[in-house]
Amino acid sequence: MSERIVMRTGECLIGGGPPFTAAEPEVVIGELDGPVGTAIATLTGNQSAGHSKVFAIMNTDIQVRPVTLMVSKVTVKSTRYTNILMGTVQGAIANGVLDAVRAGDIPKEKANDLGIICSVWLNPGVATDDNLDHKALFDIHRKAMAQAIKKAMKNEPTIDWLLENQDSITHKYYEKGLAGEI
C-alpha cells in the first residue's frame, strides 16, 4: 500500500522554443478524499468567465487518470486562444500526467485515488500567431507538466537546497526587467 499523499505542490518553466510555446504549469496533487479532492469539486462547479476549469483529456471523451483539472492563469478572451488551450495544450497536459505515471513519479496504483489541479499558463500571443508551431507547443507543455509532477512528488526543491542556494538565486525576470517577455 502506498503512502497517503495529502497535498504536494510543484512547478516547472520551460521556454526557449519557438515563439509563444513556453509552458509554466503549477500543480497541486493529493488524495481525492482530502483537500485536493474538495478543491477539484469546488473549482469544477465554480466556473467564471474567462477562467474556465476543464478536465485534462486525451481526446474529446477520454479523461486522463489521475483526474486533472486545468485552470487558466490568463483570462481567455478569444475563440482561437480557447481552441489552442482546450486542444493542443489540454492534450499535452493529459499526456504529461500519463508520462509521470509511466515514469513512476505517480504510483500507478494511486491513479484513481489522486487528483491534480494544474494552473496553466499559455502565452496570449498564440491567438495571433498564424505560424504557431503546435508540435513544439504540445511537446513543451507535455514535458513541463511531467516535470512539475515529478518535482511535486519528490518535494523538490528540498528545503536544504533552498537554504543552501537562497543567496545565489535571483528571479530572472526581476534581475533583467523582462516581465511579460517569456
C-alpha atoms as a PDB file:
ATOM      1  CA  MET A   1       0.000   0.000   0.000  1.00  0.00           C
ATOM      2  CA  SER A   2       1.384   3.418  -0.983  1.00  0.00           C
ATOM      3  CA  GLU A   3       1.709   6.251   1.492  1.00  0.00           C
ATOM      4  CA  ARG A   4      -1.118   8.745   1.749  1.00  0.00           C
ATOM      5  CA  ILE A   5      -0.489  11.879  -0.293  1.00  0.00           C
ATOM      6  CA  VAL A   6      -2.393  14.722   1.324  1.00  0.00           C
ATOM      7  CA  MET A   7      -1.026  17.556  -0.798  1.00  0.00           C
ATOM      8  CA  ARG A   8       2.110  18.127  -2.848  1.00  0.00           C
ATOM      9  CA  THR A   9       2.964  21.134  -4.992  1.00  0.00           C
ATOM     10  CA  GLY A  10       5.278  21.620  -7.931  1.00  0.00           C
ATOM     11  CA  GLU A  11       6.018  23.876 -10.850  1.00  0.00           C
ATOM     12  CA  CYS A  12       8.149  23.993 -13.954  1.00  0.00           C
ATOM     13  CA  LEU A  13       9.047  26.616 -16.534  1.00  0.00           C
ATOM     14  CA  ILE A  14      10.238  25.583 -19.959  1.00  0.00           C
ATOM     15  CA  GLY A  15      10.920  28.276 -22.516  1.00  0.00           C
ATOM     16  CA  GLY A  16      13.358  28.699 -25.351  1.00  0.00           C
ATOM     17  CA  GLY A  17      11.212  27.083 -28.035  1.00  0.00           C
ATOM     18  CA  PRO A  18       9.526  28.751 -30.990  1.00  0.00           C
ATOM     19  CA  PRO A  19       7.529  31.923 -30.254  1.00  0.00           C
ATOM     20  CA  PHE A  20       4.679  31.592 -27.738  1.00  0.00           C
ATOM     21  CA  THR A  21       5.376  27.930 -26.851  1.00  0.00           C
ATOM     22  CA  ALA A  22       6.726  28.398 -23.309  1.00  0.00           C
ATOM     23  CA  ALA A  23       4.996  26.423 -20.560  1.00  0.00           C
ATOM     24  CA  GLU A  24       4.708  27.107 -16.842  1.00  0.00           C
ATOM     25  CA  PRO A  25       2.371  24.629 -15.138  1.00  0.00           C
ATOM     26  CA  GLU A  26       1.880  24.782 -11.387  1.00  0.00           C
ATOM     27  CA  VAL A  27       0.384  21.658  -9.832  1.00  0.00           C
ATOM     28  CA  VAL A  28      -1.285  20.624  -6.607  1.00  0.00           C
ATOM     29  CA  ILE A  29      -1.550  16.849  -6.130  1.00  0.00           C
ATOM     30  CA  GLY A  30      -3.382  14.931  -3.429  1.00  0.00           C
ATOM     31  CA  GLU A  31      -5.909  12.293  -2.441  1.00  0.00           C
ATOM     32  CA  LEU A  32      -9.433  12.771  -3.786  1.00  0.00           C
ATOM     33  CA  ASP A  33     -10.869  12.224  -0.303  1.00  0.00           C
ATOM     34  CA  GLY A  34      -8.824  15.120   1.079  1.00  0.00           C
ATOM     35  CA  PRO A  35      -8.398  18.853   0.443  1.00  0.00           C
ATOM     36  CA  VAL A  36      -7.345  18.399  -3.190  1.00  0.00           C
ATOM     37  CA  GLY A  37     -10.494  16.420  -3.994  1.00  0.00           C
ATOM     38  CA  THR A  38     -12.616  19.068  -2.297  1.00  0.00           C
ATOM     39  CA  ALA A  39     -10.830  21.784  -4.279  1.00  0.00           C
ATOM     40  CA  ILE A  40     -11.357  19.922  -7.575  1.00  0.00           C
ATOM     41  CA  ALA A  41     -15.087  19.536  -6.886  1.00  0.00           C
ATOM     42  CA  THR A  42     -15.395  23.181  -5.832  1.00  0.00           C
ATOM     43  CA  LEU A  43     -13.457  24.527  -8.813  1.00  0.00           C
ATOM     44  CA  THR A  44     -15.402  22.365 -11.252  1.00  0.00           C
ATOM     45  CA  GLY A  45     -18.682  23.797 -10.016  1.00  0.00           C
ATOM     46  CA  ASN A  46     -17.389  27.346  -9.640  1.00  0.00           C
ATOM     47  CA  GLN A  47     -16.829  28.409 -13.234  1.00  0.00           C
ATOM     48  CA  SER A  48     -16.019  32.042 -14.001  1.00  0.00           C
ATOM     49  CA  ALA A  49     -15.953  33.965 -17.257  1.00  0.00           C
ATOM     50  CA  GLY A  50     -12.529  33.846 -18.892  1.00  0.00           C
ATOM     51  CA  HIS A  51     -11.182  31.261 -16.445  1.00  0.00           C
ATOM     52  CA  SER A  52     -12.994  28.030 -17.253  1.00  0.00           C
ATOM     53  CA  LYS A  53     -11.894  24.926 -15.436  1.00  0.00           C
ATOM     54  CA  VAL A  54     -11.777  21.742 -17.514  1.00  0.00           C
ATOM     55  CA  PHE A  55     -10.537  18.204 -17.081  1.00  0.00           C
ATOM     56  CA  ALA A  56      -7.400  17.227 -18.960  1.00  0.00           C
ATOM     57  CA  ILE A  57      -8.430  14.857 -21.722  1.00  0.00           C
ATOM     58  CA  MET A  58      -6.616  12.820 -24.340  1.00  0.00           C
ATOM     59  CA  ASN A  59      -9.418  13.362 -26.828  1.00  0.00           C
ATOM     60  CA  THR A  60     -12.962  14.639 -26.626  1.00  0.00           C
ATOM     61  CA  ASP A  61     -14.165  11.772 -24.463  1.00  0.00           C
ATOM     62  CA  ILE A  62     -11.031  10.246 -22.914  1.00  0.00           C
ATOM     63  CA  GLN A  63     -10.288  11.719 -19.489  1.00  0.00           C
ATOM     64  CA  VAL A  64      -6.816  11.167 -18.070  1.00  0.00           C
ATOM     65  CA  ARG A  65      -6.091   9.492 -14.720  1.00  0.00           C
ATOM     66  CA  PRO A  66      -5.310  10.739 -12.156  1.00  0.00           C
ATOM     67  CA  VAL A  67      -8.147  13.191 -12.735  1.00  0.00           C
ATOM     68  CA  THR A  68      -6.543  16.508 -13.650  1.00  0.00           C
ATOM     69  CA  LEU A  69      -8.336  19.840 -13.581  1.00  0.00           C
ATOM     70  CA  MET A  70      -6.851  22.601 -15.726  1.00  0.00           C
ATOM     71  CA  VAL A  71      -7.279  26.228 -14.640  1.00  0.00           C
ATOM     72  CA  SER A  72      -6.088  29.010 -16.952  1.00  0.00           C
ATOM     73  CA  LYS A  73      -3.793  31.661 -15.419  1.00  0.00           C
ATOM     74  CA  VAL A  74      -4.569  34.012 -18.316  1.00  0.00           C
ATOM     75  CA  THR A  75      -8.034  35.434 -18.964  1.00  0.00           C
ATOM     76  CA  VAL A  76      -9.366  33.697 -22.063  1.00  0.00           C
ATOM     77  CA  LYS A  77     -10.647  36.340 -24.473  1.00  0.00           C
ATOM     78  CA  SER A  78     -10.822  34.720 -27.893  1.00  0.00           C
ATOM     79  CA  THR A  79     -12.104  31.595 -29.568  1.00  0.00           C
ATOM     80  CA  ARG A  80      -8.694  30.930 -31.119  1.00  0.00           C
ATOM     81  CA  TYR A  81      -6.965  31.062 -27.728  1.00  0.00           C
ATOM     82  CA  THR A  82      -9.665  28.792 -26.285  1.00  0.00           C
ATOM     83  CA  ASN A  83      -9.245  26.271 -29.101  1.00  0.00           C
ATOM     84  CA  ILE A  84      -5.465  26.096 -28.569  1.00  0.00           C
ATOM     85  CA  LEU A  85      -5.775  25.893 -24.768  1.00  0.00           C
ATOM     86  CA  MET A  86      -8.563  23.306 -24.929  1.00  0.00           C
ATOM     87  CA  GLY A  87      -6.914  21.378 -27.757  1.00  0.00           C
ATOM     88  CA  THR A  88      -3.153  21.282 -28.140  1.00  0.00           C
ATOM     89  CA  VAL A  89      -2.348  22.256 -24.545  1.00  0.00           C
ATOM     90  CA  GLN A  90      -5.114  20.181 -22.955  1.00  0.00           C
ATOM     91  CA  GLY A  91      -3.834  17.095 -24.770  1.00  0.00           C
ATOM     92  CA  ALA A  92      -0.258  17.925 -23.772  1.00  0.00           C
ATOM     93  CA  ILE A  93      -1.206  18.250 -20.095  1.00  0.00           C
ATOM     94  CA  ALA A  94      -3.024  14.890 -20.222  1.00  0.00           C
ATOM     95  CA  ASN A  95      -0.026  13.210 -21.838  1.00  0.00           C
ATOM     96  CA  GLY A  96       2.332  14.768 -19.292  1.00  0.00           C
ATOM     97  CA  VAL A  97       0.239  13.233 -16.496  1.00  0.00           C
ATOM     98  CA  LEU A  98       0.493   9.790 -18.107  1.00  0.00           C
ATOM     99  CA  ASP A  99       4.235  10.283 -18.634  1.00  0.00           C
ATOM    100  CA  ALA A 100       4.558  10.924 -14.886  1.00  0.00           C
ATOM    101  CA  VAL A 101       2.662   7.701 -14.117  1.00  0.00           C
ATOM    102  CA  ARG A 102       4.773   5.757 -16.615  1.00  0.00           C
ATOM    103  CA  ALA A 103       7.973   7.163 -15.048  1.00  0.00           C
ATOM    104  CA  GLY A 104       6.794   6.095 -11.594  1.00  0.00           C
ATOM    105  CA  ASP A 105       6.536   9.648 -10.246  1.00  0.00           C
ATOM    106  CA  ILE A 106       2.860   8.985  -9.583  1.00  0.00           C
ATOM    107  CA  PRO A 107       2.284   5.443  -8.302  1.00  0.00           C
ATOM    108  CA  LYS A 108       0.112   3.600 -10.839  1.00  0.00           C
ATOM    109  CA  GLU A 109      -1.914   2.027  -8.029  1.00  0.00           C
ATOM    110  CA  LYS A 110      -2.904   5.556  -6.883  1.00  0.00           C
ATOM    111  CA  ALA A 111      -4.149   6.704 -10.318  1.00  0.00           C
ATOM    112  CA  ASN A 112      -7.815   6.521  -9.280  1.00  0.00           C
ATOM    113  CA  ASP A 113      -7.234   7.925  -5.778  1.00  0.00           C
ATOM    114  CA  LEU A 114      -5.285  11.088  -6.598  1.00  0.00           C
ATOM    115  CA  GLY A 115      -6.321  14.357  -8.165  1.00  0.00           C
ATOM    116  CA  ILE A 116      -4.255  17.085  -9.768  1.00  0.00           C
ATOM    117  CA  ILE A 117      -5.066  20.759 -10.161  1.00  0.00           C
ATOM    118  CA  CYS A 118      -2.920  22.378 -12.831  1.00  0.00           C
ATOM    119  CA  SER A 119      -2.710  26.134 -13.262  1.00  0.00           C
ATOM    120  CA  VAL A 120      -1.854  26.515 -16.932  1.00  0.00           C
ATOM    121  CA  TRP A 121      -0.037  29.481 -18.425  1.00  0.00           C
ATOM    122  CA  LEU A 122      -0.358  29.860 -22.169  1.00  0.00           C
ATOM    123  CA  ASN A 123       1.129  32.916 -23.833  1.00  0.00           C
ATOM    124  CA  PRO A 124      -1.692  35.095 -25.225  1.00  0.00           C
ATOM    125  CA  GLY A 125       0.390  35.513 -28.394  1.00  0.00           C
ATOM    126  CA  VAL A 126      -0.783  32.076 -29.546  1.00  0.00           C
ATOM    127  CA  ALA A 127      -4.058  33.683 -30.560  1.00  0.00           C
ATOM    128  CA  THR A 128      -2.402  35.945 -33.136  1.00  0.00           C
ATOM    129  CA  ASP A 129       0.465  33.796 -34.475  1.00  0.00           C
ATOM    130  CA  ASP A 130      -0.507  32.321 -37.836  1.00  0.00           C
ATOM    131  CA  ASN A 131       2.706  30.254 -37.801  1.00  0.00           C
ATOM    132  CA  LEU A 132       2.287  28.765 -34.323  1.00  0.00           C
ATOM    133  CA  ASP A 133       4.257  25.526 -34.015  1.00  0.00           C
ATOM    134  CA  HIS A 134       1.618  23.233 -32.475  1.00  0.00           C
ATOM    135  CA  LYS A 135       4.014  20.265 -32.245  1.00  0.00           C
ATOM    136  CA  ALA A 136       6.538  22.312 -30.250  1.00  0.00           C
ATOM    137  CA  LEU A 137       3.723  23.784 -28.120  1.00  0.00           C
ATOM    138  CA  PHE A 138       2.438  20.260 -27.365  1.00  0.00           C
ATOM    139  CA  ASP A 139       5.892  18.826 -26.638  1.00  0.00           C
ATOM    140  CA  ILE A 140       6.946  21.678 -24.335  1.00  0.00           C
ATOM    141  CA  HIS A 141       3.701  21.668 -22.322  1.00  0.00           C
ATOM    142  CA  ARG A 142       3.815  17.865 -22.044  1.00  0.00           C
ATOM    143  CA  LYS A 143       7.403  17.907 -20.773  1.00  0.00           C
ATOM    144  CA  ALA A 144       6.748  20.785 -18.357  1.00  0.00           C
ATOM    145  CA  MET A 145       3.707  19.017 -16.885  1.00  0.00           C
ATOM    146  CA  ALA A 146       5.629  15.787 -16.311  1.00  0.00           C
ATOM    147  CA  GLN A 147       8.490  17.726 -14.702  1.00  0.00           C
ATOM    148  CA  ALA A 148       6.154  19.736 -12.459  1.00  0.00           C
ATOM    149  CA  ILE A 149       4.584  16.490 -11.232  1.00  0.00           C
ATOM    150  CA  LYS A 150       7.997  14.914 -10.664  1.00  0.00           C
ATOM    151  CA  LYS A 151       9.117  17.910  -8.609  1.00  0.00           C
ATOM    152  CA  ALA A 152       5.890  17.838  -6.598  1.00  0.00           C
ATOM    153  CA  MET A 153       6.092  14.151  -5.828  1.00  0.00           C
ATOM    154  CA  LYS A 154       9.777  14.370  -4.846  1.00  0.00           C
ATOM    155  CA  ASN A 155       9.246  17.558  -2.810  1.00  0.00           C
ATOM    156  CA  GLU A 156      11.791  19.401  -4.953  1.00  0.00           C
ATOM    157  CA  PRO A 157      13.497  21.656  -4.488  1.00  0.00           C
ATOM    158  CA  THR A 158      14.226  20.457  -0.964  1.00  0.00           C
ATOM    159  CA  ILE A 159      14.359  22.914   1.901  1.00  0.00           C
ATOM    160  CA  ASP A 160      18.067  22.130   2.365  1.00  0.00           C
ATOM    161  CA  TRP A 161      18.786  23.021  -1.276  1.00  0.00           C
ATOM    162  CA  LEU A 162      16.738  26.212  -0.984  1.00  0.00           C
ATOM    163  CA  LEU A 163      18.530  27.331   2.169  1.00  0.00           C
ATOM    164  CA  GLU A 164      21.912  26.494   0.650  1.00  0.00           C
ATOM    165  CA  ASN A 165      21.226  28.391  -2.576  1.00  0.00           C
ATOM    166  CA  GLN A 166      18.990  31.231  -1.381  1.00  0.00           C
ATOM    167  CA  ASP A 167      21.578  33.986  -1.755  1.00  0.00           C
ATOM    168  CA  SER A 168      22.765  32.859  -5.190  1.00  0.00           C
ATOM    169  CA  ILE A 169      19.362  32.875  -6.905  1.00  0.00           C
ATOM    170  CA  THR A 170      17.698  35.965  -8.305  1.00  0.00           C
ATOM    171  CA  HIS A 171      14.413  35.700 -10.171  1.00  0.00           C
ATOM    172  CA  LYS A 172      15.389  36.010 -13.826  1.00  0.00           C
ATOM    173  CA  TYR A 173      12.651  38.497 -14.700  1.00  0.00           C
ATOM    174  CA  TYR A 174      13.337  40.667 -11.678  1.00  0.00           C
ATOM    175  CA  GLU A 175      17.028  40.772 -12.483  1.00  0.00           C
ATOM    176  CA  LYS A 176      16.656  41.551 -16.170  1.00  0.00           C
ATOM    177  CA  GLY A 177      13.443  43.534 -16.032  1.00  0.00           C
ATOM    178  CA  LEU A 178      11.846  41.352 -18.700  1.00  0.00           C
ATOM    179  CA  ALA A 179       8.433  40.839 -17.123  1.00  0.00           C
ATOM    180  CA  GLY A 180       5.987  39.775 -19.809  1.00  0.00           C
ATOM    181  CA  GLU A 181       8.641  38.686 -22.299  1.00  0.00           C
ATOM    182  CA  ILE A 182       8.594  34.916 -21.796  1.00  0.00           C
END
